N, C-alpha and C. Protein backbone atom coordinates (compact mmCIF):
# COMPACT_ATOMS: atom_id res chain seq x y z
N MET A 1 0.86 -1.08 0.03
CA MET A 1 -0.12 0.16 -0.34
C MET A 1 0.92 1.26 -0.15
N ALA A 2 0.49 2.16 -0.90
CA ALA A 2 1.37 3.36 -0.86
C ALA A 2 0.86 4.26 0.37
N LYS A 3 1.97 5.12 1.01
CA LYS A 3 1.83 6.15 1.75
C LYS A 3 0.24 6.99 1.83
N PRO A 4 -0.57 6.91 2.62
CA PRO A 4 -1.91 7.75 2.54
C PRO A 4 -1.67 9.08 2.54
N ILE A 5 -2.26 9.94 1.45
CA ILE A 5 -2.41 11.48 1.79
C ILE A 5 -3.68 11.98 2.19
N ARG A 6 -3.44 13.10 3.13
CA ARG A 6 -4.29 13.62 3.75
C ARG A 6 -4.62 14.46 2.95
N PHE A 7 -5.77 14.38 2.17
CA PHE A 7 -6.54 15.62 1.28
C PHE A 7 -6.99 16.70 1.81
N ASP A 8 -7.17 17.67 0.93
CA ASP A 8 -7.72 19.06 1.18
C ASP A 8 -8.84 19.04 2.04
N HIS A 9 -10.32 18.61 0.82
CA HIS A 9 -11.58 18.25 1.42
C HIS A 9 -11.78 17.45 2.54
N THR A 10 -12.27 17.62 3.56
CA THR A 10 -12.63 16.92 4.57
C THR A 10 -14.21 16.88 5.05
N TYR A 11 -14.52 15.73 5.37
CA TYR A 11 -15.71 15.65 5.91
C TYR A 11 -16.01 14.55 7.24
N ASN A 12 -16.16 15.21 8.48
CA ASN A 12 -16.26 14.14 9.54
C ASN A 12 -17.21 13.33 9.85
N ILE A 13 -17.27 12.27 10.12
CA ILE A 13 -18.46 11.36 10.49
C ILE A 13 -18.23 10.64 11.89
N PRO A 14 -19.54 10.74 12.52
CA PRO A 14 -19.52 10.16 13.87
C PRO A 14 -19.51 8.46 13.69
N ILE A 15 -18.68 7.59 14.25
CA ILE A 15 -19.15 6.23 13.98
C ILE A 15 -20.65 6.02 14.94
N ALA A 16 -21.43 5.18 14.30
CA ALA A 16 -22.71 4.65 15.08
C ALA A 16 -22.53 3.33 15.67
N TRP A 17 -23.36 3.18 16.44
CA TRP A 17 -23.55 1.89 16.93
C TRP A 17 -23.36 0.78 16.34
N GLY A 18 -24.41 0.51 15.25
CA GLY A 18 -25.10 0.21 14.62
C GLY A 18 -24.27 -0.05 13.27
N ASP A 19 -23.26 0.38 13.06
CA ASP A 19 -22.03 0.42 12.09
C ASP A 19 -20.99 -0.85 12.50
N MET A 20 -21.29 -1.09 13.51
CA MET A 20 -20.32 -2.19 14.01
C MET A 20 -20.83 -3.79 13.70
N ASP A 21 -19.99 -4.46 13.48
CA ASP A 21 -20.27 -5.98 13.02
C ASP A 21 -20.45 -6.90 14.55
N ALA A 22 -20.41 -8.18 14.29
CA ALA A 22 -20.31 -9.32 15.21
C ALA A 22 -18.83 -9.33 15.75
N PHE A 23 -17.70 -8.76 15.17
CA PHE A 23 -16.55 -8.57 15.73
C PHE A 23 -16.04 -7.42 16.55
N GLY A 24 -17.06 -6.32 16.79
CA GLY A 24 -16.93 -5.53 17.57
C GLY A 24 -16.32 -4.56 16.83
N HIS A 25 -16.21 -4.21 15.74
CA HIS A 25 -15.58 -3.18 14.74
C HIS A 25 -16.41 -2.70 13.63
N VAL A 26 -15.95 -1.71 13.04
CA VAL A 26 -16.87 -0.89 11.77
C VAL A 26 -16.89 -2.23 10.91
N ASN A 27 -18.13 -2.58 10.31
CA ASN A 27 -18.11 -3.47 9.15
C ASN A 27 -17.44 -2.90 8.05
N ASN A 28 -16.90 -3.68 7.09
CA ASN A 28 -16.19 -3.32 6.12
C ASN A 28 -16.79 -2.52 4.91
N VAL A 29 -18.27 -2.81 4.70
CA VAL A 29 -19.35 -2.18 3.90
C VAL A 29 -19.64 -1.09 4.35
N VAL A 30 -19.85 -0.65 5.45
CA VAL A 30 -19.87 0.62 6.00
C VAL A 30 -19.13 1.64 5.68
N TYR A 31 -17.99 1.59 5.26
CA TYR A 31 -17.05 2.53 4.96
C TYR A 31 -16.92 2.72 3.38
N VAL A 32 -17.87 2.09 2.76
CA VAL A 32 -18.26 2.63 1.52
C VAL A 32 -19.35 3.65 1.69
N LYS A 33 -20.85 3.32 2.61
CA LYS A 33 -21.27 4.49 2.73
C LYS A 33 -20.54 5.76 3.21
N TYR A 34 -19.71 5.62 4.05
CA TYR A 34 -19.15 6.79 4.58
C TYR A 34 -18.21 7.63 3.44
N PHE A 35 -17.58 6.70 2.33
CA PHE A 35 -17.10 7.14 1.25
C PHE A 35 -17.94 8.03 0.43
N GLU A 36 -19.38 7.22 0.38
CA GLU A 36 -20.45 7.63 -0.73
C GLU A 36 -20.96 9.30 -0.12
N THR A 37 -20.98 9.18 1.22
CA THR A 37 -21.58 10.11 1.71
C THR A 37 -20.41 11.57 1.55
N ALA A 38 -19.45 11.28 1.67
CA ALA A 38 -18.37 12.19 1.81
C ALA A 38 -17.93 12.79 0.26
N ARG A 39 -18.31 11.64 -0.70
CA ARG A 39 -18.21 12.22 -1.85
C ARG A 39 -19.47 12.98 -2.43
N ALA A 40 -20.61 12.90 -1.96
CA ALA A 40 -21.83 13.59 -2.26
C ALA A 40 -21.38 15.06 -1.52
N ASN A 41 -20.56 15.22 -0.70
CA ASN A 41 -20.57 16.55 0.25
C ASN A 41 -19.24 17.13 -0.67
N PHE A 42 -18.48 16.42 -1.31
CA PHE A 42 -17.38 16.92 -2.06
C PHE A 42 -17.70 17.80 -3.24
N PHE A 43 -18.93 16.62 -4.08
CA PHE A 43 -19.19 17.08 -5.20
C PHE A 43 -20.09 18.52 -5.15
N THR A 44 -21.00 18.38 -3.90
CA THR A 44 -21.84 19.69 -3.88
C THR A 44 -20.87 20.60 -3.56
N ASP A 45 -19.71 20.53 -2.73
CA ASP A 45 -18.74 22.00 -2.49
C ASP A 45 -17.89 22.32 -3.76
N LEU A 46 -17.69 21.53 -4.49
CA LEU A 46 -16.93 21.73 -5.79
C LEU A 46 -18.26 22.07 -6.98
N SER A 47 -19.35 22.13 -6.70
CA SER A 47 -20.46 22.46 -7.92
C SER A 47 -20.36 21.20 -9.15
N VAL A 48 -20.37 20.11 -8.35
CA VAL A 48 -20.12 19.29 -9.71
C VAL A 48 -21.52 18.79 -10.20
N TRP A 49 -22.42 19.13 -9.05
CA TRP A 49 -23.90 18.60 -9.42
C TRP A 49 -24.74 19.54 -8.33
N ASN A 50 -25.70 19.39 -8.99
CA ASN A 50 -26.91 20.10 -8.19
C ASN A 50 -27.79 19.16 -7.33
N THR A 51 -27.43 19.77 -6.04
CA THR A 51 -28.39 18.66 -4.93
C THR A 51 -29.96 18.73 -4.82
N ASN A 52 -30.40 19.77 -5.68
CA ASN A 52 -31.94 19.61 -5.06
C ASN A 52 -32.70 18.47 -5.83
N LEU A 53 -31.96 17.42 -6.07
CA LEU A 53 -32.70 15.95 -6.73
C LEU A 53 -33.39 16.04 -7.76
N LYS A 54 -33.34 16.87 -8.85
CA LYS A 54 -34.06 16.77 -9.87
C LYS A 54 -33.35 16.09 -10.55
N THR A 55 -33.93 15.50 -11.90
CA THR A 55 -33.46 14.56 -12.86
C THR A 55 -32.41 15.74 -13.82
N LEU A 56 -31.15 14.81 -13.52
CA LEU A 56 -30.15 15.49 -14.41
C LEU A 56 -30.03 14.82 -15.85
N ILE A 57 -29.48 15.92 -16.90
CA ILE A 57 -29.40 15.52 -18.19
C ILE A 57 -28.08 14.72 -18.11
N SER A 58 -26.91 14.99 -17.20
CA SER A 58 -25.73 14.43 -17.10
C SER A 58 -25.18 14.54 -15.64
N GLY A 59 -24.28 13.53 -15.23
CA GLY A 59 -23.97 13.29 -13.98
C GLY A 59 -23.31 12.51 -13.77
N PRO A 60 -22.32 12.32 -12.52
CA PRO A 60 -21.43 11.48 -12.25
C PRO A 60 -22.04 9.71 -11.90
N ILE A 61 -21.31 8.99 -12.27
CA ILE A 61 -21.72 7.73 -11.94
C ILE A 61 -20.32 6.65 -11.44
N LEU A 62 -20.63 5.93 -10.75
CA LEU A 62 -19.71 5.23 -9.96
C LEU A 62 -19.03 3.96 -10.67
N THR A 63 -18.04 3.84 -11.35
CA THR A 63 -17.79 2.54 -12.20
C THR A 63 -16.89 1.54 -11.49
N HIS A 64 -16.21 2.14 -10.90
CA HIS A 64 -15.12 1.09 -9.83
C HIS A 64 -14.97 1.97 -8.67
N LEU A 65 -14.58 0.86 -7.64
CA LEU A 65 -14.44 1.16 -6.14
C LEU A 65 -13.39 0.52 -5.44
N GLU A 66 -12.30 0.92 -5.21
CA GLU A 66 -11.02 0.13 -4.71
C GLU A 66 -10.57 0.92 -3.10
N LEU A 67 -10.88 0.06 -1.98
CA LEU A 67 -10.56 0.70 -0.60
C LEU A 67 -9.45 -0.68 -0.08
N ASP A 68 -8.47 0.37 0.67
CA ASP A 68 -7.27 -0.61 1.33
C ASP A 68 -7.78 -0.28 2.47
N TYR A 69 -8.09 -1.35 3.54
CA TYR A 69 -8.34 -1.51 5.07
C TYR A 69 -6.76 -1.47 5.88
N ARG A 70 -6.94 -0.29 6.51
CA ARG A 70 -5.48 -0.34 7.18
C ARG A 70 -5.60 -0.64 8.63
N LYS A 71 -6.52 -0.09 9.38
CA LYS A 71 -6.67 -0.24 10.92
C LYS A 71 -8.02 -0.46 11.13
N GLN A 72 -8.72 -1.12 12.30
CA GLN A 72 -9.98 -1.38 12.66
C GLN A 72 -10.46 -0.14 13.47
N VAL A 73 -11.99 -0.08 13.43
CA VAL A 73 -12.33 1.07 14.20
C VAL A 73 -13.32 0.78 14.91
N SER A 74 -13.61 1.21 16.01
CA SER A 74 -14.63 0.54 16.74
C SER A 74 -15.67 1.62 17.57
N TYR A 75 -16.70 1.57 17.76
CA TYR A 75 -17.78 2.69 18.67
C TYR A 75 -17.12 2.75 19.90
N PRO A 76 -17.17 4.16 20.54
CA PRO A 76 -17.30 5.37 20.09
C PRO A 76 -16.05 5.66 19.23
N ALA A 77 -16.21 6.43 17.78
CA ALA A 77 -15.27 7.00 17.29
C ALA A 77 -15.64 8.19 16.41
N ASP A 78 -15.02 8.85 15.73
CA ASP A 78 -15.30 9.84 14.74
C ASP A 78 -14.04 9.64 13.73
N LEU A 79 -14.56 9.98 12.23
CA LEU A 79 -13.70 9.82 11.56
C LEU A 79 -13.31 10.93 10.64
N GLU A 80 -12.25 11.66 10.22
CA GLU A 80 -12.34 12.40 9.28
C GLU A 80 -11.67 11.75 8.21
N ILE A 81 -12.89 12.29 7.09
CA ILE A 81 -12.65 11.89 5.88
C ILE A 81 -12.09 12.52 4.69
N THR A 82 -10.77 12.29 4.14
CA THR A 82 -10.31 13.22 3.38
C THR A 82 -10.61 12.77 1.91
N LEU A 83 -11.07 13.87 0.73
CA LEU A 83 -11.06 13.66 -0.85
C LEU A 83 -10.38 14.53 -1.38
N GLY A 84 -9.83 14.23 -2.56
CA GLY A 84 -9.28 14.81 -3.67
C GLY A 84 -9.27 14.24 -5.05
N ILE A 85 -9.14 15.02 -5.92
CA ILE A 85 -9.03 14.37 -7.54
C ILE A 85 -7.62 13.83 -7.66
N THR A 86 -7.85 12.92 -8.05
CA THR A 86 -5.91 12.51 -8.39
C THR A 86 -5.84 11.86 -9.70
N SER A 87 -6.59 12.08 -10.63
CA SER A 87 -6.45 11.73 -11.91
C SER A 87 -7.87 12.29 -12.84
N PHE A 88 -7.69 12.75 -14.09
CA PHE A 88 -8.97 12.83 -14.84
C PHE A 88 -8.85 12.62 -16.24
N SER A 89 -9.52 12.35 -17.17
CA SER A 89 -9.33 12.40 -18.72
C SER A 89 -10.47 13.21 -18.71
N THR A 90 -11.05 12.74 -20.29
CA THR A 90 -12.09 13.52 -21.17
C THR A 90 -13.59 13.28 -20.29
N ARG A 91 -13.56 11.84 -20.06
CA ARG A 91 -15.04 11.74 -19.64
C ARG A 91 -14.68 11.08 -18.20
N SER A 92 -13.80 10.81 -17.42
CA SER A 92 -13.86 10.22 -16.33
C SER A 92 -12.89 10.91 -15.12
N PHE A 93 -12.95 10.67 -14.00
CA PHE A 93 -11.89 11.02 -13.16
C PHE A 93 -12.15 10.24 -11.79
N ASP A 94 -10.53 10.58 -11.27
CA ASP A 94 -10.73 9.25 -9.88
C ASP A 94 -10.91 10.39 -8.60
N VAL A 95 -11.68 10.13 -7.71
CA VAL A 95 -11.69 10.76 -6.19
C VAL A 95 -10.96 9.64 -5.44
N SER A 96 -9.88 10.53 -5.04
CA SER A 96 -9.38 9.51 -3.99
C SER A 96 -9.62 9.80 -2.34
N THR A 97 -9.47 8.78 -1.54
CA THR A 97 -9.93 9.34 -0.19
C THR A 97 -8.87 8.58 0.73
N SER A 98 -9.08 9.07 1.98
CA SER A 98 -8.30 8.59 3.21
C SER A 98 -9.28 8.89 4.04
N MET A 99 -9.24 8.01 5.34
CA MET A 99 -9.99 8.18 6.53
C MET A 99 -9.06 8.07 7.74
N TRP A 100 -9.36 9.08 8.28
CA TRP A 100 -7.99 8.98 9.66
C TRP A 100 -9.16 9.09 11.18
N ASP A 101 -8.59 8.41 11.88
CA ASP A 101 -9.05 8.31 13.55
C ASP A 101 -8.79 9.67 14.19
N LYS A 102 -8.83 9.67 15.35
CA LYS A 102 -8.59 11.00 16.41
C LYS A 102 -7.14 11.02 16.72
N ASP A 103 -6.65 9.81 16.44
CA ASP A 103 -5.30 9.68 17.02
C ASP A 103 -4.11 9.83 15.60
N GLY A 104 -4.78 10.46 14.59
CA GLY A 104 -3.79 10.65 13.31
C GLY A 104 -3.62 9.28 12.64
N HIS A 105 -3.89 8.39 12.95
CA HIS A 105 -3.93 7.18 12.07
C HIS A 105 -4.88 6.84 10.69
N CYS A 106 -4.47 6.57 9.76
CA CYS A 106 -4.98 6.24 8.69
C CYS A 106 -5.61 4.88 8.49
N VAL A 107 -6.95 5.11 8.29
CA VAL A 107 -7.87 3.61 8.80
C VAL A 107 -8.37 3.09 7.39
N ILE A 108 -8.58 4.04 6.55
CA ILE A 108 -8.54 3.58 5.06
C ILE A 108 -7.91 4.39 4.19
N SER A 109 -7.75 4.01 2.81
CA SER A 109 -7.66 4.55 1.88
C SER A 109 -7.67 3.79 0.56
N GLY A 110 -8.08 4.66 -0.63
CA GLY A 110 -8.64 4.26 -1.88
C GLY A 110 -9.09 5.12 -2.76
N PHE A 111 -10.10 4.69 -3.74
CA PHE A 111 -10.08 5.97 -4.76
C PHE A 111 -11.54 5.31 -5.33
N ALA A 112 -12.09 6.20 -6.34
CA ALA A 112 -13.59 5.66 -7.13
C ALA A 112 -13.07 6.05 -8.16
N LYS A 113 -13.61 5.54 -9.18
CA LYS A 113 -13.26 5.73 -10.57
C LYS A 113 -14.87 6.42 -10.92
N ILE A 114 -14.74 7.40 -11.65
CA ILE A 114 -16.26 8.29 -11.92
C ILE A 114 -16.19 8.51 -13.27
N VAL A 115 -17.44 7.98 -13.74
CA VAL A 115 -17.61 8.48 -15.43
C VAL A 115 -18.78 9.43 -15.22
N TRP A 116 -18.40 10.54 -16.22
CA TRP A 116 -19.45 11.31 -16.32
C TRP A 116 -20.18 10.75 -17.60
N PHE A 117 -21.60 10.85 -17.18
CA PHE A 117 -22.51 10.33 -18.00
C PHE A 117 -24.08 11.02 -18.74
N ASP A 118 -24.52 10.83 -19.59
CA ASP A 118 -25.26 11.47 -20.49
C ASP A 118 -26.69 10.61 -20.20
N PHE A 119 -27.40 10.93 -19.45
CA PHE A 119 -28.24 10.38 -18.88
C PHE A 119 -29.43 10.04 -20.18
N GLU A 120 -29.62 11.30 -20.84
CA GLU A 120 -30.66 10.94 -22.15
C GLU A 120 -30.39 10.16 -23.19
N ASN A 121 -29.19 10.34 -23.51
CA ASN A 121 -28.42 9.40 -24.23
C ASN A 121 -27.50 8.42 -24.16
N GLY A 122 -27.91 8.01 -22.54
CA GLY A 122 -27.33 6.80 -22.05
C GLY A 122 -25.90 6.18 -22.27
N ARG A 123 -24.74 7.20 -22.21
CA ARG A 123 -23.65 6.94 -22.70
C ARG A 123 -22.37 7.71 -22.13
N PRO A 124 -21.39 7.71 -21.77
CA PRO A 124 -20.71 8.43 -21.37
C PRO A 124 -20.14 9.84 -22.39
N THR A 125 -19.98 10.87 -21.24
CA THR A 125 -20.07 12.00 -22.32
C THR A 125 -18.68 12.93 -21.73
N SER A 126 -18.18 14.04 -22.15
CA SER A 126 -17.01 14.88 -21.52
C SER A 126 -17.38 15.65 -20.58
N ILE A 127 -16.81 15.55 -19.50
CA ILE A 127 -16.36 16.78 -18.20
C ILE A 127 -16.53 17.86 -18.67
N THR A 128 -17.19 18.91 -18.21
CA THR A 128 -16.97 20.35 -18.66
C THR A 128 -15.73 20.87 -18.50
N GLU A 129 -15.24 21.91 -19.15
CA GLU A 129 -13.95 22.64 -18.82
C GLU A 129 -13.77 23.09 -17.87
N SER A 130 -15.06 23.76 -16.89
CA SER A 130 -14.57 24.31 -15.69
C SER A 130 -14.18 23.19 -14.55
N MET A 131 -14.88 22.10 -15.12
CA MET A 131 -14.66 20.74 -13.83
C MET A 131 -13.17 20.20 -13.95
N LYS A 132 -12.68 20.43 -15.42
CA LYS A 132 -11.35 20.06 -15.67
C LYS A 132 -9.87 20.78 -15.26
N ALA A 133 -10.30 22.33 -15.37
CA ALA A 133 -9.47 23.11 -14.65
C ALA A 133 -9.47 23.12 -13.16
N THR A 134 -10.88 22.76 -12.44
CA THR A 134 -10.45 22.50 -11.23
C THR A 134 -10.10 21.14 -10.63
N PHE A 135 -10.06 20.27 -11.46
CA PHE A 135 -9.58 19.04 -11.35
C PHE A 135 -8.05 19.35 -11.45
N GLN A 136 -7.54 20.06 -12.66
CA GLN A 136 -6.05 19.73 -12.98
C GLN A 136 -5.32 20.51 -11.71
N LYS A 137 -5.82 21.74 -11.22
CA LYS A 137 -5.18 21.98 -10.12
C LYS A 137 -4.72 20.91 -8.88
N MET A 138 -5.90 20.32 -8.49
CA MET A 138 -5.85 19.10 -7.68
C MET A 138 -4.87 17.93 -7.78
N VAL A 139 -4.85 17.60 -9.46
CA VAL A 139 -3.96 16.49 -9.89
C VAL A 139 -2.40 17.22 -9.59
N GLU A 140 -2.09 18.44 -9.92
CA GLU A 140 -1.20 18.53 -9.81
C GLU A 140 -0.42 18.85 -8.39
N LYS A 141 -1.20 19.20 -7.39
CA LYS A 141 -0.79 19.20 -6.15
C LYS A 141 -0.57 17.97 -5.69
N TYR A 142 -1.68 16.89 -5.84
CA TYR A 142 -1.68 15.65 -5.19
C TYR A 142 -0.48 14.56 -6.01
N ASN A 143 -0.22 14.97 -7.00
CA ASN A 143 0.91 14.20 -7.76
C ASN A 143 1.95 14.60 -8.00
N ALA A 144 2.28 15.68 -6.95
CA ALA A 144 3.55 16.45 -7.34
C ALA A 144 4.68 15.67 -6.48
């Protein structure tokens, strides 16, 4: 596993009692939900989408998800989820994440491949020029 990066965008989430499994730690699938919630917040902050829950002409769809589990977490706890864009192309981009406990240990790292999708025509489409400009700044920072 590569050394985790603490990305600029942060989202804090408390661990709920019901997030744990029979082994007394946060169930692995729950981290996927945490990442989803943090990505939605990230997309809103970047104005990648409109959160009025209207039907969109185009928008992001998840095509691949990869997480590296680094350390167990148990209730009670809070996690700081950090996110950043680490690569992009004409039609897709990677949102990378790292999740940190209160002691500064990275408990999860990973990324999601997102494709920009034209819902009316049912196929991938190009991301906007303004999104590319925003993404380029992040990619340069995190891949320096």
